[in-house]
Amino acid sequence: MRSLILNTPLFEPILSKYARYRKRYPVYFFHHIPKCGGTSMREALDNWFNVNCDYFIHEKENYVPPVDLGYVNTNNCIIGHFGHDGYFIDQRYPKIFKGFRARTRYRVFMFLRDPLKMRCSLHRHDLLVGINKEHNLASAIMTYNNYYSRILNVTESNWKKKLDRYFFIGMADDLQASFDLLGTLIGKPKIELPISNTTTRDYENSIESLSQAQIDEFKRANELDYKIFEYAKLRMNELLENKAD
């Protein structure tokens, strides 16, 4: 009976509007955290979406406007680092986290890896491109702390609340499995991730070269980042358990 009522001419405008709404939303955002498998992800996401890159470019002096959300739909994925003041994701696209419809209209996802592994990888990258002249790994990883916290623009008082706004947080330490789970959640086909943007792991710039005392010092100095990472890992494990059920 219900289907007969919905198929009457009276409901045709409503159904047509709903069909258009379904095609438009959700719009996807990939918050690309540096050295967390993002380059491989960008290549793979081209198979799922029309990708709109919105990366902050230091060399550009003029302000670059954000992607106009009025001209994107559920086939789009907006990608960027969003790691600088004025370009933080909730500054760049404030509406994606605001209002009771935000969760259904916008799905934001990112991938994180163990903070120490990430910092070692970032150190290798910085050496390669000439950003960092400090060759000693133990000193380099302590030059600035809580890297995730700063680029996610979170504090001790709000980090959990801000992370809960993300539709999905995968683990870069098991990138393929996380990417497969993301595909399952959003109804996309399985894709084998390409291996991209890797850096040479000499002993001198690998975790193995650090003493236990140096590792412990890093963990103490980056306590908030480890809270973020462990919470993201907990969320991921809960998703995997629910999938298994």
C-alpha atoms as a PDB file:
ATOM      1  CA  MET A   1       0.000   0.000   0.000  1.00  0.00           C
ATOM      2  CA  ARG A   2       2.812   2.404   0.934  1.00  0.00           C
ATOM      3  CA  SER A   3       4.569   1.887  -2.398  1.00  0.00           C
ATOM      4  CA  LEU A   4       1.326   2.559  -4.266  1.00  0.00           C
ATOM      5  CA  ILE A   5       0.880   5.844  -2.427  1.00  0.00           C
ATOM      6  CA  LEU A   6       4.467   6.929  -3.115  1.00  0.00           C
ATOM      7  CA  ASN A   7       4.025   6.191  -6.818  1.00  0.00           C
ATOM      8  CA  THR A   8       1.101   8.578  -7.205  1.00  0.00           C
ATOM      9  CA  PRO A   9       1.664  11.862  -9.119  1.00  0.00           C
ATOM     10  CA  LEU A  10       1.333  13.796  -5.860  1.00  0.00           C
ATOM     11  CA  PHE A  11       4.641  12.381  -4.588  1.00  0.00           C
ATOM     12  CA  GLU A  12       6.587  12.577  -7.862  1.00  0.00           C
ATOM     13  CA  PRO A  13       8.199  16.000  -7.084  1.00  0.00           C
ATOM     14  CA  ILE A  14       9.278  14.753  -3.647  1.00  0.00           C
ATOM     15  CA  LEU A  15      10.757  11.542  -5.034  1.00  0.00           C
ATOM     16  CA  SER A  16      12.544  13.447  -7.780  1.00  0.00           C
ATOM     17  CA  LYS A  17      14.067  15.831  -5.240  1.00  0.00           C
ATOM     18  CA  TYR A  18      15.143  12.895  -3.062  1.00  0.00           C
ATOM     19  CA  ALA A  19      16.793  11.188  -6.045  1.00  0.00           C
ATOM     20  CA  ARG A  20      18.750  14.353  -6.805  1.00  0.00           C
ATOM     21  CA  TYR A  21      19.753  14.598  -3.133  1.00  0.00           C
ATOM     22  CA  ARG A  22      21.060  11.023  -3.165  1.00  0.00           C
ATOM     23  CA  LYS A  23      23.192  11.772  -6.216  1.00  0.00           C
ATOM     24  CA  ARG A  24      24.651  14.879  -4.610  1.00  0.00           C
ATOM     25  CA  TYR A  25      25.497  13.584  -1.143  1.00  0.00           C
ATOM     26  CA  PRO A  26      27.625  12.561   0.585  1.00  0.00           C
ATOM     27  CA  VAL A  27      30.604  14.529  -0.692  1.00  0.00           C
ATOM     28  CA  TYR A  28      33.906  12.982   0.367  1.00  0.00           C
ATOM     29  CA  PHE A  29      36.991  14.639   1.861  1.00  0.00           C
ATOM     30  CA  PHE A  30      40.364  12.951   2.207  1.00  0.00           C
ATOM     31  CA  HIS A  31      42.393  14.717   4.886  1.00  0.00           C
ATOM     32  CA  HIS A  32      45.864  13.765   3.690  1.00  0.00           C
ATOM     33  CA  ILE A  33      48.187  13.506   6.678  1.00  0.00           C
ATOM     34  CA  PRO A  34      51.832  13.654   5.466  1.00  0.00           C
ATOM     35  CA  LYS A  35      53.831  10.404   5.485  1.00  0.00           C
ATOM     36  CA  CYS A  36      50.771   8.267   6.146  1.00  0.00           C
ATOM     37  CA  GLY A  37      50.368   6.639   2.753  1.00  0.00           C
ATOM     38  CA  GLY A  38      48.555   9.574   1.224  1.00  0.00           C
ATOM     39  CA  THR A  39      50.361   9.574  -2.114  1.00  0.00           C
ATOM     40  CA  SER A  40      49.343   5.973  -2.767  1.00  0.00           C
ATOM     41  CA  MET A  41      45.838   6.834  -1.620  1.00  0.00           C
ATOM     42  CA  ARG A  42      45.559   9.749  -4.024  1.00  0.00           C
ATOM     43  CA  GLU A  43      46.357   7.507  -6.971  1.00  0.00           C
ATOM     44  CA  ALA A  44      43.843   4.881  -5.867  1.00  0.00           C
ATOM     45  CA  LEU A  45      41.068   7.392  -5.162  1.00  0.00           C
ATOM     46  CA  ASP A  46      41.163   8.413  -8.827  1.00  0.00           C
ATOM     47  CA  ASN A  47      39.502   5.058  -9.491  1.00  0.00           C
ATOM     48  CA  TRP A  48      36.610   5.850  -7.180  1.00  0.00           C
ATOM     49  CA  PHE A  49      36.057   9.594  -7.495  1.00  0.00           C
ATOM     50  CA  ASN A  50      36.490  12.761  -9.452  1.00  0.00           C
ATOM     51  CA  VAL A  51      39.333  14.081  -7.311  1.00  0.00           C
ATOM     52  CA  ASN A  52      39.621  17.777  -6.474  1.00  0.00           C
ATOM     53  CA  CYS A  53      43.067  18.614  -5.080  1.00  0.00           C
ATOM     54  CA  ASP A  54      43.243  21.527  -2.644  1.00  0.00           C
ATOM     55  CA  TYR A  55      46.828  21.546  -1.428  1.00  0.00           C
ATOM     56  CA  PHE A  56      48.374  24.533   0.307  1.00  0.00           C
ATOM     57  CA  ILE A  57      51.268  25.842  -1.782  1.00  0.00           C
ATOM     58  CA  HIS A  58      53.804  27.943   0.140  1.00  0.00           C
ATOM     59  CA  GLU A  59      55.121  29.631  -2.980  1.00  0.00           C
ATOM     60  CA  LYS A  60      51.756  31.156  -3.872  1.00  0.00           C
ATOM     61  CA  GLU A  61      51.365  34.611  -2.361  1.00  0.00           C
ATOM     62  CA  ASN A  62      47.751  35.105  -3.365  1.00  0.00           C
ATOM     63  CA  TYR A  63      44.924  33.423  -1.510  1.00  0.00           C
ATOM     64  CA  VAL A  64      43.525  30.417  -3.369  1.00  0.00           C
ATOM     65  CA  PRO A  65      39.787  29.960  -2.779  1.00  0.00           C
ATOM     66  CA  PRO A  66      38.523  26.582  -1.559  1.00  0.00           C
ATOM     67  CA  VAL A  67      36.565  24.218  -3.776  1.00  0.00           C
ATOM     68  CA  ASP A  68      33.002  25.495  -4.194  1.00  0.00           C
ATOM     69  CA  LEU A  69      30.857  22.867  -2.471  1.00  0.00           C
ATOM     70  CA  GLY A  70      27.880  23.993  -4.509  1.00  0.00           C
ATOM     71  CA  TYR A  71      29.427  22.402  -7.600  1.00  0.00           C
ATOM     72  CA  VAL A  72      30.426  18.992  -6.255  1.00  0.00           C
ATOM     73  CA  ASN A  73      28.473  15.824  -5.589  1.00  0.00           C
ATOM     74  CA  THR A  74      28.896  12.329  -4.243  1.00  0.00           C
ATOM     75  CA  ASN A  75      31.217  11.451  -7.125  1.00  0.00           C
ATOM     76  CA  ASN A  76      33.741  14.006  -5.853  1.00  0.00           C
ATOM     77  CA  CYS A  77      36.505  13.668  -3.291  1.00  0.00           C
ATOM     78  CA  ILE A  78      38.320  16.803  -2.136  1.00  0.00           C
ATOM     79  CA  ILE A  79      41.901  16.160  -1.048  1.00  0.00           C
ATOM     80  CA  GLY A  80      44.337  18.348   0.859  1.00  0.00           C
ATOM     81  CA  HIS A  81      46.795  18.498   3.752  1.00  0.00           C
ATOM     82  CA  PHE A  82      44.813  21.217   5.568  1.00  0.00           C
ATOM     83  CA  GLY A  83      47.669  21.612   8.030  1.00  0.00           C
ATOM     84  CA  HIS A  84      48.293  25.368   8.257  1.00  0.00           C
ATOM     85  CA  ASP A  85      46.525  28.165  10.104  1.00  0.00           C
ATOM     86  CA  GLY A  86      43.890  29.566   7.788  1.00  0.00           C
ATOM     87  CA  TYR A  87      43.900  26.279   5.870  1.00  0.00           C
ATOM     88  CA  PHE A  88      42.904  23.894   8.676  1.00  0.00           C
ATOM     89  CA  ILE A  89      40.066  21.752   7.366  1.00  0.00           C
ATOM     90  CA  ASP A  90      37.451  23.244   9.689  1.00  0.00           C
ATOM     91  CA  GLN A  91      38.594  26.738   8.655  1.00  0.00           C
ATOM     92  CA  ARG A  92      38.791  25.935   4.968  1.00  0.00           C
ATOM     93  CA  TYR A  93      35.430  24.132   4.853  1.00  0.00           C
ATOM     94  CA  PRO A  94      33.556  25.073   8.050  1.00  0.00           C
ATOM     95  CA  LYS A  95      30.184  23.747   6.909  1.00  0.00           C
ATOM     96  CA  ILE A  96      31.359  20.114   6.625  1.00  0.00           C
ATOM     97  CA  PHE A  97      31.321  19.724  10.406  1.00  0.00           C
ATOM     98  CA  LYS A  98      28.462  22.064  11.320  1.00  0.00           C
ATOM     99  CA  GLY A  99      24.754  21.378  11.594  1.00  0.00           C
ATOM    100  CA  PHE A 100      22.786  18.183  12.121  1.00  0.00           C
ATOM    101  CA  ARG A 101      22.972  17.317   8.413  1.00  0.00           C
ATOM    102  CA  ALA A 102      26.742  17.578   8.177  1.00  0.00           C
ATOM    103  CA  ARG A 103      27.351  13.877   8.886  1.00  0.00           C
ATOM    104  CA  THR A 104      25.058  12.788   6.059  1.00  0.00           C
ATOM    105  CA  ARG A 105      26.257  15.410   3.586  1.00  0.00           C
ATOM    106  CA  TYR A 106      30.013  15.174   4.107  1.00  0.00           C
ATOM    107  CA  ARG A 107      32.209  12.186   4.882  1.00  0.00           C
ATOM    108  CA  VAL A 108      35.734  13.070   5.970  1.00  0.00           C
ATOM    109  CA  PHE A 109      38.391  10.388   6.282  1.00  0.00           C
ATOM    110  CA  MET A 110      42.106  10.183   6.984  1.00  0.00           C
ATOM    111  CA  PHE A 111      44.861   7.682   7.761  1.00  0.00           C
ATOM    112  CA  LEU A 112      47.350   7.762  10.642  1.00  0.00           C
ATOM    113  CA  ARG A 113      50.404   5.706  11.488  1.00  0.00           C
ATOM    114  CA  ASP A 114      52.476   5.168  14.598  1.00  0.00           C
ATOM    115  CA  PRO A 115      53.769   8.680  15.499  1.00  0.00           C
ATOM    116  CA  LEU A 116      57.405   7.595  15.776  1.00  0.00           C
ATOM    117  CA  LYS A 117      57.329   5.780  12.425  1.00  0.00           C
ATOM    118  CA  MET A 118      55.717   8.832  10.866  1.00  0.00           C
ATOM    119  CA  ARG A 119      58.346  11.201  12.281  1.00  0.00           C
ATOM    120  CA  CYS A 120      61.197   8.980  11.078  1.00  0.00           C
ATOM    121  CA  SER A 121      59.666   8.885   7.608  1.00  0.00           C
ATOM    122  CA  LEU A 122      59.166  12.643   7.664  1.00  0.00           C
ATOM    123  CA  HIS A 123      62.797  13.092   8.665  1.00  0.00           C
ATOM    124  CA  ARG A 124      63.956  11.002   5.691  1.00  0.00           C
ATOM    125  CA  HIS A 125      61.740  13.013   3.375  1.00  0.00           C
ATOM    126  CA  ASP A 126      62.987  16.341   4.745  1.00  0.00           C
ATOM    127  CA  LEU A 127      66.583  15.246   4.258  1.00  0.00           C
ATOM    128  CA  LEU A 128      65.838  14.170   0.706  1.00  0.00           C
ATOM    129  CA  VAL A 129      64.285  17.484  -0.319  1.00  0.00           C
ATOM    130  CA  GLY A 130      66.679  19.636   1.710  1.00  0.00           C
ATOM    131  CA  ILE A 131      64.165  20.998   4.224  1.00  0.00           C
ATOM    132  CA  ASN A 132      65.996  19.666   7.257  1.00  0.00           C
ATOM    133  CA  LYS A 133      69.780  19.915   7.624  1.00  0.00           C
ATOM    134  CA  GLU A 134      69.812  18.014  10.925  1.00  0.00           C
ATOM    135  CA  HIS A 135      71.078  14.541  10.015  1.00  0.00           C
ATOM    136  CA  ASN A 136      70.939  13.083  13.517  1.00  0.00           C
ATOM    137  CA  LEU A 137      67.620  11.266  13.773  1.00  0.00           C
ATOM    138  CA  ALA A 138      67.356  11.421  17.564  1.00  0.00           C
ATOM    139  CA  SER A 139      67.721  15.217  17.484  1.00  0.00           C
ATOM    140  CA  ALA A 140      65.534  15.704  14.389  1.00  0.00           C
ATOM    141  CA  ILE A 141      62.473  13.906  15.753  1.00  0.00           C
ATOM    142  CA  MET A 142      62.526  16.142  18.840  1.00  0.00           C
ATOM    143  CA  THR A 143      62.643  19.448  16.945  1.00  0.00           C
ATOM    144  CA  TYR A 144      58.874  19.853  17.155  1.00  0.00           C
ATOM    145  CA  ASN A 145      56.485  17.639  19.067  1.00  0.00           C
ATOM    146  CA  ASN A 146      52.897  16.471  18.718  1.00  0.00           C
ATOM    147  CA  TYR A 147      52.913  16.801  14.938  1.00  0.00           C
ATOM    148  CA  TYR A 148      49.440  15.292  14.506  1.00  0.00           C
ATOM    149  CA  SER A 149      47.993  17.597  17.123  1.00  0.00           C
ATOM    150  CA  ARG A 150      49.322  20.680  15.372  1.00  0.00           C
ATOM    151  CA  ILE A 151      48.221  19.824  11.846  1.00  0.00           C
ATOM    152  CA  LEU A 152      44.825  18.579  13.056  1.00  0.00           C
ATOM    153  CA  ASN A 153      44.523  21.765  15.130  1.00  0.00           C
ATOM    154  CA  VAL A 154      43.503  19.947  18.305  1.00  0.00           C
ATOM    155  CA  THR A 155      44.303  20.354  21.992  1.00  0.00           C
ATOM    156  CA  GLU A 156      44.101  18.231  25.137  1.00  0.00           C
ATOM    157  CA  SER A 157      40.575  19.543  25.710  1.00  0.00           C
ATOM    158  CA  ASN A 158      39.061  18.902  22.274  1.00  0.00           C
ATOM    159  CA  TRP A 159      41.035  16.219  20.409  1.00  0.00           C
ATOM    160  CA  LYS A 160      38.529  13.401  20.955  1.00  0.00           C
ATOM    161  CA  LYS A 161      35.548  15.530  20.008  1.00  0.00           C
ATOM    162  CA  LYS A 162      37.279  16.618  16.800  1.00  0.00           C
ATOM    163  CA  LEU A 163      38.326  13.087  15.865  1.00  0.00           C
ATOM    164  CA  ASP A 164      34.761  11.872  16.331  1.00  0.00           C
ATOM    165  CA  ARG A 165      33.722  14.149  13.474  1.00  0.00           C
ATOM    166  CA  TYR A 166      35.646  11.956  11.024  1.00  0.00           C
ATOM    167  CA  PHE A 167      33.670   9.326   9.169  1.00  0.00           C
ATOM    168  CA  PHE A 168      36.671   6.998   9.000  1.00  0.00           C
ATOM    169  CA  ILE A 169      40.241   6.934  10.329  1.00  0.00           C
ATOM    170  CA  GLY A 170      42.390   4.191   8.828  1.00  0.00           C
ATOM    171  CA  MET A 171      45.739   2.814   9.885  1.00  0.00           C
ATOM    172  CA  ALA A 172      48.608   3.542   7.498  1.00  0.00           C
ATOM    173  CA  ASP A 173      50.638   0.767   9.135  1.00  0.00           C
ATOM    174  CA  ASP A 174      48.167  -1.630   7.491  1.00  0.00           C
ATOM    175  CA  LEU A 175      47.148   0.598   4.607  1.00  0.00           C
ATOM    176  CA  GLN A 176      45.697  -1.984   2.215  1.00  0.00           C
ATOM    177  CA  ALA A 177      43.419  -3.524   4.848  1.00  0.00           C
ATOM    178  CA  SER A 178      42.266  -0.078   5.967  1.00  0.00           C
ATOM    179  CA  PHE A 179      41.637   1.023   2.391  1.00  0.00           C
ATOM    180  CA  ASP A 180      39.671  -2.160   1.717  1.00  0.00           C
ATOM    181  CA  LEU A 181      37.507  -1.489   4.769  1.00  0.00           C
ATOM    182  CA  LEU A 182      36.878   2.081   3.637  1.00  0.00           C
ATOM    183  CA  GLY A 183      35.776   0.751   0.251  1.00  0.00           C
ATOM    184  CA  THR A 184      33.378  -1.669   1.929  1.00  0.00           C
ATOM    185  CA  LEU A 185      31.878   1.101   4.064  1.00  0.00           C
ATOM    186  CA  ILE A 186      31.192   3.386   1.094  1.00  0.00           C
ATOM    187  CA  GLY A 187      30.337   0.719  -1.458  1.00  0.00           C
ATOM    188  CA  LYS A 188      33.415   0.965  -3.689  1.00  0.00           C
ATOM    189  CA  PRO A 189      35.284  -1.878  -5.438  1.00  0.00           C
ATOM    190  CA  LYS A 190      38.500  -3.286  -4.046  1.00  0.00           C
ATOM    191  CA  ILE A 191      41.670  -1.729  -5.465  1.00  0.00           C
ATOM    192  CA  GLU A 192      45.258  -2.784  -4.913  1.00  0.00           C
ATOM    193  CA  LEU A 193      47.134   0.251  -3.669  1.00  0.00           C
ATOM    194  CA  PRO A 194      50.206   1.351  -5.630  1.00  0.00           C
ATOM    195  CA  ILE A 195      53.479   1.800  -3.752  1.00  0.00           C
ATOM    196  CA  SER A 196      54.354   5.491  -4.039  1.00  0.00           C
ATOM    197  CA  ASN A 197      56.618   8.140  -2.535  1.00  0.00           C
ATOM    198  CA  THR A 198      58.868   5.829  -0.531  1.00  0.00           C
ATOM    199  CA  THR A 199      62.193   6.998   0.870  1.00  0.00           C
ATOM    200  CA  THR A 200      65.410   5.030   1.426  1.00  0.00           C
ATOM    201  CA  ARG A 201      65.656   3.598   4.927  1.00  0.00           C
ATOM    202  CA  ASP A 202      69.320   3.772   5.867  1.00  0.00           C
ATOM    203  CA  TYR A 203      70.128   2.458   9.316  1.00  0.00           C
ATOM    204  CA  GLU A 204      71.040   5.969  10.486  1.00  0.00           C
ATOM    205  CA  ASN A 205      67.531   7.300   9.806  1.00  0.00           C
ATOM    206  CA  SER A 206      65.495   4.274  10.892  1.00  0.00           C
ATOM    207  CA  ILE A 207      63.853   3.473  14.216  1.00  0.00           C
ATOM    208  CA  GLU A 208      66.383   0.675  14.742  1.00  0.00           C
ATOM    209  CA  SER A 209      69.116   3.269  15.231  1.00  0.00           C
ATOM    210  CA  LEU A 210      67.332   4.775  18.252  1.00  0.00           C
ATOM    211  CA  SER A 211      67.952   3.616  21.788  1.00  0.00           C
ATOM    212  CA  GLN A 212      65.087   2.676  24.090  1.00  0.00           C
ATOM    213  CA  ALA A 213      65.794   5.825  26.122  1.00  0.00           C
ATOM    214  CA  GLN A 214      65.437   7.977  22.988  1.00  0.00           C
ATOM    215  CA  ILE A 215      62.189   6.238  22.042  1.00  0.00           C
ATOM    216  CA  ASP A 216      60.815   6.733  25.552  1.00  0.00           C
ATOM    217  CA  GLU A 217      61.762  10.409  25.452  1.00  0.00           C
ATOM    218  CA  PHE A 218      59.927  10.819  22.141  1.00  0.00           C
ATOM    219  CA  LYS A 219      56.810   9.153  23.499  1.00  0.00           C
ATOM    220  CA  ARG A 220      56.788  11.379  26.585  1.00  0.00           C
ATOM    221  CA  ALA A 221      57.162  14.513  24.459  1.00  0.00           C
ATOM    222  CA  ASN A 222      54.430  13.383  22.067  1.00  0.00           C
ATOM    223  CA  GLU A 223      51.874  12.153  24.540  1.00  0.00           C
ATOM    224  CA  LEU A 224      48.906  13.843  22.843  1.00  0.00           C
ATOM    225  CA  ASP A 225      49.802  12.373  19.453  1.00  0.00           C
ATOM    226  CA  TYR A 226      49.862   8.916  20.998  1.00  0.00           C
ATOM    227  CA  LYS A 227      46.435   9.496  22.541  1.00  0.00           C
ATOM    228  CA  ILE A 228      45.143  10.436  19.089  1.00  0.00           C
ATOM    229  CA  PHE A 229      46.774   7.432  17.439  1.00  0.00           C
ATOM    230  CA  GLU A 230      45.614   4.906  20.051  1.00  0.00           C
ATOM    231  CA  TYR A 231      42.057   6.230  19.903  1.00  0.00           C
ATOM    232  CA  ALA A 232      42.055   6.018  16.094  1.00  0.00           C
ATOM    233  CA  LYS A 233      43.376   2.453  16.340  1.00  0.00           C
ATOM    234  CA  LEU A 234      40.610   1.590  18.812  1.00  0.00           C
ATOM    235  CA  ARG A 235      37.991   2.931  16.411  1.00  0.00           C
ATOM    236  CA  MET A 236      39.501   0.915  13.590  1.00  0.00           C
ATOM    237  CA  ASN A 237      39.485  -2.294  15.639  1.00  0.00           C
ATOM    238  CA  GLU A 238      35.829  -1.766  16.542  1.00  0.00           C
ATOM    239  CA  LEU A 239      34.948  -1.424  12.851  1.00  0.00           C
ATOM    240  CA  LEU A 240      36.818  -4.631  12.048  1.00  0.00           C
ATOM    241  CA  GLU A 241      35.037  -6.479  14.875  1.00  0.00           C
ATOM    242  CA  ASN A 242      31.640  -5.262  13.648  1.00  0.00           C
ATOM    243  CA  LYS A 243      32.534  -6.370  10.123  1.00  0.00           C
ATOM    244  CA  ALA A 244      33.459  -9.814  11.424  1.00  0.00           C
ATOM    245  CA  ASP A 245      30.107 -10.115  13.203  1.00  0.00           C
END
